[in-house]
Amino acid sequence: MAETVLLVGGGGREHAIARALEGGDCELYACAENRNPGIARLAAGFETLDTTNSSAVTSYAEEVGATLAAIGPEKALESGVADALNEAGVFAFGPSSEAARIETDKAYQRRFMREHEIPGCPEFETFEDTERACEYIDSSDVDLAVKPAGLTGGKGVKVIGDQVTREGAKEYLRENDYDRVVLEERFVGEEFTVQAFVANGSLRVTPAVQDHKRAYEGDEGPNTGGMGSYSDAALELPFMTEEEYREAVRILDATVEALDDYTGVLYGQFMLTADGVKVIEYNARFGDPEAMNTLPVMNTAFLDVLVGAREGEDLPQLSFAPRATVCKYAVPEGYPENPSGGTRIEVDEESVADAAYAAEAEEDGSEARLFYASVDEREDGIYTTTSRAFAVVGIAGTIAEAEAIAEDALSGADEGVRIRHDVGTEALVQKRIDHANELRGE
């Protein structure tokens, strides 16, 4: 019997999930605050609603007869959408609100790591009083990462010695007056992500990805939700060894073993340091953009993962095409600090189609894919929101070839958006390799 899958969320990550379900023995329905045109084309139905409203999501799931649900956004997980769906008899591939605290509460996250002796945990302290936190900054002998305990859309962390001075960090805390904040030792190294499917005690890992958080080329400017990312044809990235990748996987294994009945995606954001692999943070869902690197090269049917999780089985072993990927985001002008939302844009799908045709002509599995993200489709066209608009992913045998495909596909990008063109370039990747070698003392 065919499954009916409800997809919760309307960003680029969710468009990647929708495409991963395309062609499977299922009928797709979707709900989100914005009408994502890419998802809408693939879905039998699309409902615009508040995805943090568990009653609204559950009512729509029951209306369409959903048998499975895939939850994309972290705010939906925090608000208990998975709990409500499961209670209504719709199996949700996403953790409960309690289990999602591994992402949604950074103070809990670090205490969890300390309590269960998870490797890679930094020295840290948590504060509910802003002035006490400022005093700790003054007294610390090391540079610190300043993290609001709650969700901030990937933009809340400030790193002393990199993004801000100590005085700037204290000013940041006083201006925002967060309820709780985590201050932890700053890791220096190369960041990377490993995402894993988790259910029934089993864990299946995906290739490592490196995201680019900074807004501008050369890793300059404020943090964003992610301006682009790349993966290699191997499981590890070019600046990593196989053993360093396995070290990250061992940390994920230890984390899953300590978690109580976790279901969904567990995303480990790591730092390769001179002292090995450390944990920057966990997320309780796919990364965005990292889902757009991972899912297009996964040979294993994503629907099989969902069904295996529901049936209480070991998850299927994952297979990935030996292809590199480069994802580049187009974002509204002024993003992330003063984004110009509500602007009508033209997305040149023809340029992407032409790039895809040229890539496919190579007959080596190369391709280009367009993923719509936080745009809103209206009767008279596509409009930006205040977040990232759309992404293009190049897929090829090497990172350099994938980057060239992504650039070709973006050649018709509208003037109303901005792109970090250096993501995935040979110069940037070589810079990462040189830095990692320096960390190892090579």
Protein backbone atom coordinates (compact mmCIF):
# COMPACT_ATOMS: atom_id res chain seq x y z
CA MET A 1 0.00 0.00 0.00
CA ALA A 2 1.32 3.41 -0.93
CA GLU A 3 2.23 5.73 1.91
CA THR A 4 0.86 9.22 2.38
CA VAL A 5 3.65 11.48 3.62
CA LEU A 6 3.17 14.89 5.20
CA LEU A 7 6.18 17.19 4.87
CA VAL A 8 6.32 19.94 7.50
CA GLY A 9 8.26 23.05 6.48
CA GLY A 10 8.81 25.19 3.40
CA GLY A 11 12.53 25.90 3.07
CA GLY A 12 15.36 24.60 0.92
CA ARG A 13 15.91 21.68 3.31
CA GLU A 14 12.28 20.64 2.88
CA HIS A 15 12.44 21.00 -0.91
CA ALA A 16 15.40 18.60 -0.81
CA ILE A 17 13.35 16.16 1.30
CA ALA A 18 10.45 16.43 -1.17
CA ARG A 19 12.75 15.64 -4.07
CA ALA A 20 14.21 12.70 -2.15
CA LEU A 21 10.67 11.29 -1.84
CA GLU A 22 9.86 11.93 -5.50
CA GLY A 23 9.38 8.70 -7.42
CA GLY A 24 8.80 6.65 -4.26
CA ASP A 25 5.63 4.71 -3.59
CA CYS A 26 4.02 7.59 -1.75
CA GLU A 27 1.76 10.59 -2.16
CA LEU A 28 3.21 13.80 -0.77
CA TYR A 29 1.40 16.59 1.05
CA ALA A 30 3.10 19.63 2.57
CA CYS A 31 2.42 22.47 4.98
CA ALA A 32 4.42 25.60 5.73
CA GLU A 33 4.11 29.30 6.55
CA ASN A 34 5.22 30.17 3.01
CA ARG A 35 4.17 28.56 -0.26
CA ASN A 36 7.39 27.04 -1.62
CA PRO A 37 6.84 26.65 -5.39
CA GLY A 38 9.29 23.75 -5.69
CA ILE A 39 7.53 21.73 -3.00
CA ALA A 40 4.08 22.70 -4.29
CA ARG A 41 4.88 21.22 -7.71
CA LEU A 42 5.76 17.88 -6.13
CA ALA A 43 2.90 17.72 -3.63
CA ALA A 44 -0.66 16.55 -4.12
CA GLY A 45 -1.69 19.27 -1.68
CA PHE A 46 -0.06 22.26 0.06
CA GLU A 47 -1.53 23.99 3.10
CA THR A 48 -0.29 27.35 4.36
CA LEU A 49 -0.26 27.29 8.17
CA ASP A 50 1.85 27.95 11.25
CA THR A 51 4.08 24.87 11.56
CA THR A 52 4.64 25.53 15.26
CA ASN A 53 0.89 25.06 15.80
CA SER A 54 0.76 21.33 16.52
CA SER A 55 -3.05 21.26 16.38
CA ALA A 56 -3.11 22.83 12.91
CA VAL A 57 -0.44 20.46 11.59
CA THR A 58 -2.14 17.42 13.09
CA SER A 59 -5.54 18.43 11.71
CA TYR A 60 -4.08 18.73 8.22
CA ALA A 61 -2.30 15.37 8.60
CA GLU A 62 -5.60 13.73 9.53
CA GLU A 63 -7.42 15.52 6.72
CA VAL A 64 -5.07 14.10 4.06
CA GLY A 65 -4.81 10.67 5.70
CA ALA A 66 -1.07 10.89 6.36
CA THR A 67 0.64 7.66 7.38
CA LEU A 68 4.08 9.23 7.80
CA ALA A 69 5.41 12.70 8.51
CA ALA A 70 8.83 14.25 7.95
CA ILE A 71 9.50 17.36 10.04
CA GLY A 72 12.04 19.86 8.77
CA PRO A 73 12.24 22.99 10.97
CA GLU A 74 13.64 23.04 14.49
CA LYS A 75 10.92 25.39 15.76
CA ALA A 76 8.26 22.82 14.86
CA LEU A 77 10.17 20.18 16.81
CA GLU A 78 10.58 22.50 19.79
CA SER A 79 6.84 23.19 19.85
CA GLY A 80 5.95 19.48 19.99
CA VAL A 81 4.68 18.81 16.48
CA ALA A 82 6.24 15.33 16.44
CA ASP A 83 4.62 14.53 19.79
CA ALA A 84 1.20 15.62 18.54
CA LEU A 85 1.45 13.70 15.27
CA ASN A 86 2.53 10.50 17.00
CA GLU A 87 -0.28 10.85 19.51
CA ALA A 88 -2.71 11.18 16.59
CA GLY A 89 -1.38 7.97 15.04
CA VAL A 90 0.78 9.57 12.34
CA PHE A 91 4.37 8.35 12.62
CA ALA A 92 6.66 11.37 12.73
CA PHE A 93 10.29 11.12 11.65
CA GLY A 94 11.54 13.75 14.03
CA PRO A 95 12.33 13.78 17.75
CA SER A 96 9.91 14.64 20.53
CA SER A 97 10.15 18.13 21.98
CA GLU A 98 12.05 16.67 24.95
CA ALA A 99 14.55 14.81 22.76
CA ALA A 100 14.91 17.88 20.51
CA ARG A 101 16.38 19.77 23.47
CA ILE A 102 19.71 18.40 22.25
CA GLU A 103 19.40 21.35 19.82
CA THR A 104 16.82 23.72 21.23
CA ASP A 105 18.49 24.18 24.64
CA LYS A 106 22.25 24.66 24.39
CA ALA A 107 22.65 24.64 28.18
CA TYR A 108 20.94 21.24 28.31
CA GLN A 109 23.05 20.09 25.37
CA ARG A 110 26.32 20.78 27.15
CA ARG A 111 25.12 19.36 30.48
CA PHE A 112 24.01 16.23 28.63
CA MET A 113 27.46 15.85 27.08
CA ARG A 114 29.18 16.37 30.43
CA GLU A 115 26.88 13.96 32.29
CA HIS A 116 27.30 11.19 29.71
CA GLU A 117 31.00 11.86 29.11
CA ILE A 118 30.49 12.43 25.38
CA PRO A 119 33.87 13.13 23.76
CA GLY A 120 34.56 16.55 22.29
CA CYS A 121 32.76 18.65 24.92
CA PRO A 122 34.33 22.05 25.73
CA GLU A 123 34.73 23.62 29.14
CA PHE A 124 31.59 25.72 29.69
CA GLU A 125 29.44 27.59 32.16
CA THR A 126 25.79 28.65 31.93
CA PHE A 127 24.33 31.92 33.20
CA GLU A 128 20.87 33.37 33.78
CA ASP A 129 22.22 36.73 34.93
CA THR A 130 23.75 38.96 32.24
CA GLU A 131 26.15 40.77 34.56
CA ARG A 132 27.50 37.52 36.00
CA ALA A 133 28.11 36.34 32.44
CA CYS A 134 29.99 39.57 31.72
CA GLU A 135 32.11 39.07 34.82
CA TYR A 136 32.97 35.57 33.63
CA ILE A 137 34.08 36.97 30.27
CA ASP A 138 36.41 39.40 32.08
CA SER A 139 37.86 36.66 34.30
CA SER A 140 38.37 34.01 31.62
CA ASP A 141 41.93 33.20 30.53
CA VAL A 142 40.75 31.95 27.13
CA ASP A 143 38.62 33.26 24.29
CA LEU A 144 34.98 32.20 24.56
CA ALA A 145 32.03 31.36 22.33
CA VAL A 146 28.95 33.23 23.53
CA LYS A 147 25.78 31.23 22.88
CA PRO A 148 22.18 32.10 23.73
CA ALA A 149 20.67 28.88 25.12
CA GLY A 150 17.61 28.96 22.85
CA LEU A 151 17.10 28.91 19.08
CA THR A 152 18.49 31.83 17.09
CA GLY A 153 18.32 30.56 13.50
CA GLY A 154 22.05 29.97 13.33
CA LYS A 155 22.82 33.66 13.86
CA GLY A 156 23.09 34.06 17.65
CA VAL A 157 26.61 32.85 18.44
CA LYS A 158 29.39 35.41 18.88
CA VAL A 159 33.00 34.24 19.11
CA ILE A 160 35.51 36.32 21.04
CA GLY A 161 38.79 36.67 19.18
CA ASP A 162 37.07 36.08 15.85
CA GLN A 163 33.83 38.04 15.51
CA VAL A 164 33.90 40.26 18.59
CA THR A 165 36.20 41.58 21.29
CA ARG A 166 35.50 40.89 24.98
CA GLU A 167 33.93 44.34 25.24
CA GLY A 168 31.86 43.62 22.14
CA ALA A 169 30.66 40.30 23.62
CA LYS A 170 29.53 42.01 26.83
CA GLU A 171 27.77 44.72 24.84
CA TYR A 172 26.01 42.00 22.81
CA LEU A 173 24.75 40.29 25.98
CA ARG A 174 23.58 43.53 27.55
CA GLU A 175 21.77 44.64 24.41
CA ASN A 176 19.88 41.35 24.05
CA ASP A 177 19.51 40.38 27.74
CA TYR A 178 18.94 36.69 27.00
CA ASP A 179 17.22 34.58 29.66
CA ARG A 180 20.08 32.08 29.60
CA VAL A 181 23.46 32.02 27.93
CA VAL A 182 26.25 29.46 27.57
CA LEU A 183 29.86 30.60 27.66
CA GLU A 184 32.31 27.99 26.44
CA GLU A 185 35.91 27.73 25.35
CA ARG A 186 36.44 28.73 21.76
CA PHE A 187 37.52 25.95 19.40
CA VAL A 188 39.96 26.90 16.63
CA GLY A 189 40.05 24.74 13.53
CA GLU A 190 37.96 23.67 10.55
CA GLU A 191 34.23 23.15 10.91
CA PHE A 192 32.33 20.28 9.32
CA THR A 193 29.01 18.51 9.70
CA VAL A 194 28.01 14.85 9.73
CA GLN A 195 24.27 14.13 9.62
CA ALA A 196 22.82 10.79 10.71
CA PHE A 197 19.47 9.03 10.49
CA VAL A 198 18.52 7.61 13.89
CA ALA A 199 15.70 5.24 14.88
CA ASN A 200 15.20 2.11 16.96
CA GLY A 201 18.70 2.42 18.35
CA SER A 202 20.36 2.29 14.92
CA LEU A 203 22.38 5.07 13.35
CA ARG A 204 23.23 5.60 9.67
CA VAL A 205 25.68 8.35 8.72
CA THR A 206 26.01 10.49 5.62
CA PRO A 207 28.99 12.22 3.96
CA ALA A 208 30.65 15.13 5.74
CA VAL A 209 29.70 18.63 4.59
CA GLN A 210 31.28 22.02 5.20
CA ASP A 211 28.88 24.95 5.50
CA HIS A 212 29.82 28.62 5.17
CA LYS A 213 28.09 30.70 7.83
CA ARG A 214 29.65 34.09 7.18
CA ALA A 215 27.67 36.44 4.95
CA TYR A 216 30.42 37.58 2.61
CA GLU A 217 33.22 36.11 0.54
CA GLY A 218 36.45 35.41 2.33
CA ASP A 219 34.51 34.37 5.46
CA GLU A 220 33.75 37.98 6.32
CA GLY A 221 30.69 39.54 7.93
CA PRO A 222 28.02 38.33 10.35
CA ASN A 223 26.79 34.78 10.71
CA THR A 224 23.89 33.61 8.58
CA GLY A 225 21.77 30.48 8.35
CA GLY A 226 24.36 29.27 5.81
CA MET A 227 25.44 30.79 2.49
CA GLY A 228 26.50 27.54 0.84
CA SER A 229 28.25 24.25 1.39
CA TYR A 230 30.18 21.46 -0.28
CA SER A 231 30.83 17.74 0.05
CA ASP A 232 33.31 15.44 -1.64
CA ALA A 233 32.92 12.17 -3.54
CA ALA A 234 34.24 10.37 -0.43
CA LEU A 235 32.61 10.36 3.00
CA GLU A 236 35.26 12.72 4.36
CA LEU A 237 36.16 16.22 3.13
CA PRO A 238 39.48 17.06 1.43
CA PHE A 239 40.98 18.57 4.59
CA MET A 240 40.07 15.53 6.70
CA THR A 241 41.45 12.03 7.07
CA GLU A 242 39.26 8.92 7.13
CA GLU A 243 40.13 8.50 10.81
CA GLU A 244 38.95 12.05 11.61
CA TYR A 245 35.63 11.31 9.92
CA ARG A 246 35.33 8.08 11.93
CA GLU A 247 36.12 10.04 15.12
CA ALA A 248 33.11 12.25 14.45
CA VAL A 249 30.95 9.18 13.82
CA ARG A 250 32.10 7.65 17.13
CA ILE A 251 30.95 10.83 18.90
CA LEU A 252 27.54 10.53 17.22
CA ASP A 253 27.39 6.85 18.23
CA ALA A 254 28.11 7.74 21.87
CA THR A 255 25.47 10.48 21.74
CA VAL A 256 22.76 8.21 20.34
CA GLU A 257 23.60 5.54 22.91
CA ALA A 258 23.06 8.11 25.67
CA LEU A 259 19.84 9.52 24.18
CA ASP A 260 16.56 7.94 25.21
CA ASP A 261 14.55 6.65 22.22
CA TYR A 262 15.63 9.28 19.68
CA THR A 263 13.99 9.24 16.23
CA GLY A 264 14.89 11.50 13.34
CA VAL A 265 18.00 13.22 12.06
CA LEU A 266 20.88 13.97 14.41
CA TYR A 267 23.24 16.59 12.99
CA GLY A 268 26.66 16.88 14.52
CA GLN A 269 28.52 20.12 13.89
CA PHE A 270 32.17 19.47 14.59
CA MET A 271 35.46 21.32 14.68
CA LEU A 272 38.66 19.65 13.58
CA THR A 273 41.20 21.10 16.00
CA ALA A 274 44.84 20.51 16.86
CA ASP A 275 43.52 18.27 19.66
CA GLY A 276 41.19 16.21 17.49
CA VAL A 277 37.49 16.43 16.70
CA LYS A 278 35.33 18.59 19.01
CA VAL A 279 31.56 19.21 19.13
CA ILE A 280 30.39 22.72 18.32
CA GLU A 281 26.73 21.77 18.64
CA TYR A 282 24.03 19.28 17.73
CA ASN A 283 20.93 19.89 15.65
CA ALA A 284 17.84 17.70 15.83
CA ARG A 285 17.07 17.84 12.09
CA PHE A 286 18.69 18.12 8.68
CA GLY A 287 20.97 21.06 8.15
CA ASP A 288 20.06 23.74 5.65
CA PRO A 289 21.95 23.80 3.28
CA GLU A 290 23.57 20.45 4.18
CA ALA A 291 20.45 18.45 3.27
CA MET A 292 20.87 19.73 -0.29
CA ASN A 293 24.36 18.22 -0.46
CA THR A 294 23.43 14.91 1.12
CA LEU A 295 20.04 13.83 -0.19
CA PRO A 296 20.71 14.29 -3.94
CA VAL A 297 23.59 11.78 -3.83
CA MET A 298 21.86 9.22 -1.60
CA ASN A 299 21.05 6.06 -3.57
CA THR A 300 19.00 4.57 -0.73
CA ALA A 301 15.33 5.57 -0.94
CA PHE A 302 14.50 8.09 1.77
CA LEU A 303 11.02 6.56 2.00
CA ASP A 304 12.65 3.26 3.03
CA VAL A 305 14.31 5.10 5.94
CA LEU A 306 10.96 6.49 7.08
CA VAL A 307 9.16 3.16 6.81
CA GLY A 308 11.98 1.27 8.55
CA ALA A 309 11.88 3.76 11.41
CA ARG A 310 8.13 3.36 11.80
CA GLU A 311 8.19 -0.44 11.62
CA GLY A 312 10.74 -0.71 14.43
CA GLU A 313 13.36 -2.21 12.16
CA ASP A 314 17.05 -1.50 11.82
CA LEU A 315 17.37 1.36 9.36
CA PRO A 316 18.56 0.36 5.88
CA GLN A 317 22.27 0.62 5.17
CA LEU A 318 22.89 3.80 3.22
CA SER A 319 24.52 3.99 -0.19
CA PHE A 320 25.80 7.20 -1.78
CA ALA A 321 26.89 7.98 -5.31
CA PRO A 322 30.61 8.84 -5.44
CA ARG A 323 29.87 12.44 -6.36
CA ALA A 324 30.95 15.81 -4.98
CA THR A 325 28.41 18.59 -4.47
CA VAL A 326 28.56 22.37 -4.20
CA CYS A 327 25.55 24.34 -2.97
CA LYS A 328 25.34 28.13 -3.34
CA TYR A 329 22.52 30.17 -1.85
CA ALA A 330 20.95 33.29 -3.34
CA VAL A 331 19.80 35.56 -0.53
CA PRO A 332 17.90 38.87 -0.42
CA GLU A 333 19.91 42.06 -0.56
CA GLY A 334 20.85 43.12 2.97
CA TYR A 335 20.66 39.59 4.39
CA PRO A 336 21.12 38.73 7.26
CA GLU A 337 20.99 42.06 9.11
CA ASN A 338 18.62 44.13 6.97
CA PRO A 339 17.10 41.79 4.39
CA SER A 340 14.72 43.24 1.83
CA GLY A 341 11.75 40.88 2.19
CA GLY A 342 8.63 41.16 0.03
CA THR A 343 10.59 41.81 -3.17
CA ARG A 344 9.35 40.16 -6.36
CA ILE A 345 12.17 38.20 -8.00
CA GLU A 346 12.60 36.25 -11.20
CA VAL A 347 14.23 32.86 -10.68
CA ASP A 348 15.84 31.90 -13.97
CA GLU A 349 14.95 28.22 -14.07
CA GLU A 350 16.07 28.14 -17.69
CA SER A 351 19.67 28.88 -16.69
CA VAL A 352 19.54 26.00 -14.21
CA ALA A 353 17.98 23.72 -16.83
CA ASP A 354 20.66 24.67 -19.35
CA ALA A 355 23.42 24.01 -16.81
CA ALA A 356 21.80 20.69 -15.91
CA TYR A 357 21.58 19.71 -19.58
CA ALA A 358 25.25 20.60 -20.14
CA ALA A 359 26.27 18.67 -17.02
CA GLU A 360 24.23 15.61 -17.95
CA ALA A 361 25.83 15.64 -21.41
CA GLU A 362 29.06 14.61 -19.70
CA GLU A 363 27.36 11.24 -18.98
CA ASP A 364 29.19 10.87 -15.66
CA GLY A 365 26.33 11.54 -13.27
CA SER A 366 26.87 15.31 -13.26
CA GLU A 367 23.83 17.54 -12.82
CA ALA A 368 22.48 20.81 -11.49
CA ARG A 369 19.52 21.16 -9.14
CA LEU A 370 17.49 24.15 -8.04
CA PHE A 371 16.01 24.24 -4.56
CA TYR A 372 13.52 26.92 -3.56
CA ALA A 373 13.86 28.07 0.03
CA SER A 374 12.20 30.90 1.95
CA VAL A 375 10.25 32.44 -0.90
CA ASP A 376 6.53 32.90 -1.14
CA GLU A 377 4.67 32.02 -4.35
CA ARG A 378 1.77 34.38 -5.01
CA GLU A 379 -0.59 34.72 -7.96
CA ASP A 380 1.64 37.30 -9.63
CA GLY A 381 5.02 35.68 -8.99
CA ILE A 382 7.65 34.70 -6.46
CA TYR A 383 8.54 37.01 -3.57
CA THR A 384 11.42 37.04 -1.12
CA THR A 385 10.95 36.70 2.61
CA THR A 386 13.58 37.98 5.04
CA SER A 387 15.52 34.71 4.79
CA ARG A 388 17.40 32.83 2.07
CA ALA A 389 15.62 32.69 -1.29
CA PHE A 390 16.86 29.73 -3.34
CA ALA A 391 19.90 27.53 -3.82
CA VAL A 392 21.58 25.78 -6.71
CA VAL A 393 23.56 22.57 -6.26
CA GLY A 394 26.16 21.34 -8.71
CA ILE A 395 26.86 17.60 -8.64
CA ALA A 396 29.93 16.08 -10.32
CA GLY A 397 32.93 13.83 -9.88
CA THR A 398 35.03 16.52 -8.18
CA ILE A 399 34.34 19.59 -6.06
CA ALA A 400 35.87 21.83 -8.73
CA GLU A 401 33.57 20.41 -11.42
CA ALA A 402 30.53 20.70 -9.13
CA GLU A 403 31.41 24.31 -8.34
CA ALA A 404 31.64 25.17 -12.04
CA ILE A 405 28.19 23.63 -12.63
CA ALA A 406 26.68 25.62 -9.74
CA GLU A 407 28.18 28.86 -11.08
CA ASP A 408 26.89 28.12 -14.59
CA ALA A 409 23.42 27.46 -13.21
CA LEU A 410 23.47 30.77 -11.30
CA SER A 411 24.49 32.82 -14.31
CA GLY A 412 20.93 34.11 -14.70
CA ALA A 413 20.38 34.99 -11.04
CA ASP A 414 18.22 38.06 -10.58
CA GLU A 415 19.75 41.35 -9.44
CA GLY A 416 17.62 41.32 -6.29
CA VAL A 417 19.74 38.60 -4.67
CA ARG A 418 23.32 38.16 -3.48
CA ILE A 419 25.53 35.04 -3.71
CA ARG A 420 28.79 33.93 -2.10
CA HIS A 421 30.63 32.91 -5.23
CA ASP A 422 33.70 31.60 -3.39
CA VAL A 423 31.92 28.57 -1.89
CA GLY A 424 33.51 25.39 -3.23
CA THR A 425 36.22 27.12 -5.26
CA GLU A 426 39.64 25.48 -5.52
CA ALA A 427 41.25 28.42 -3.72
CA LEU A 428 38.89 28.18 -0.76
CA VAL A 429 39.17 24.39 -0.48
CA GLN A 430 42.97 24.57 -0.64
CA LYS A 431 42.90 27.17 2.13
CA ARG A 432 40.99 24.66 4.28
CA ILE A 433 43.49 21.91 3.49
CA ASP A 434 46.44 24.14 4.36
CA HIS A 435 44.80 25.16 7.64
CA ALA A 436 44.10 21.55 8.65
CA ASN A 437 47.67 20.56 7.84
CA GLU A 438 48.90 23.45 9.99
CA LEU A 439 46.69 22.26 12.86
CA ARG A 440 48.26 18.80 12.60
CA GLY A 441 51.73 20.31 12.56
CA GLU A 442 52.41 19.07 9.04
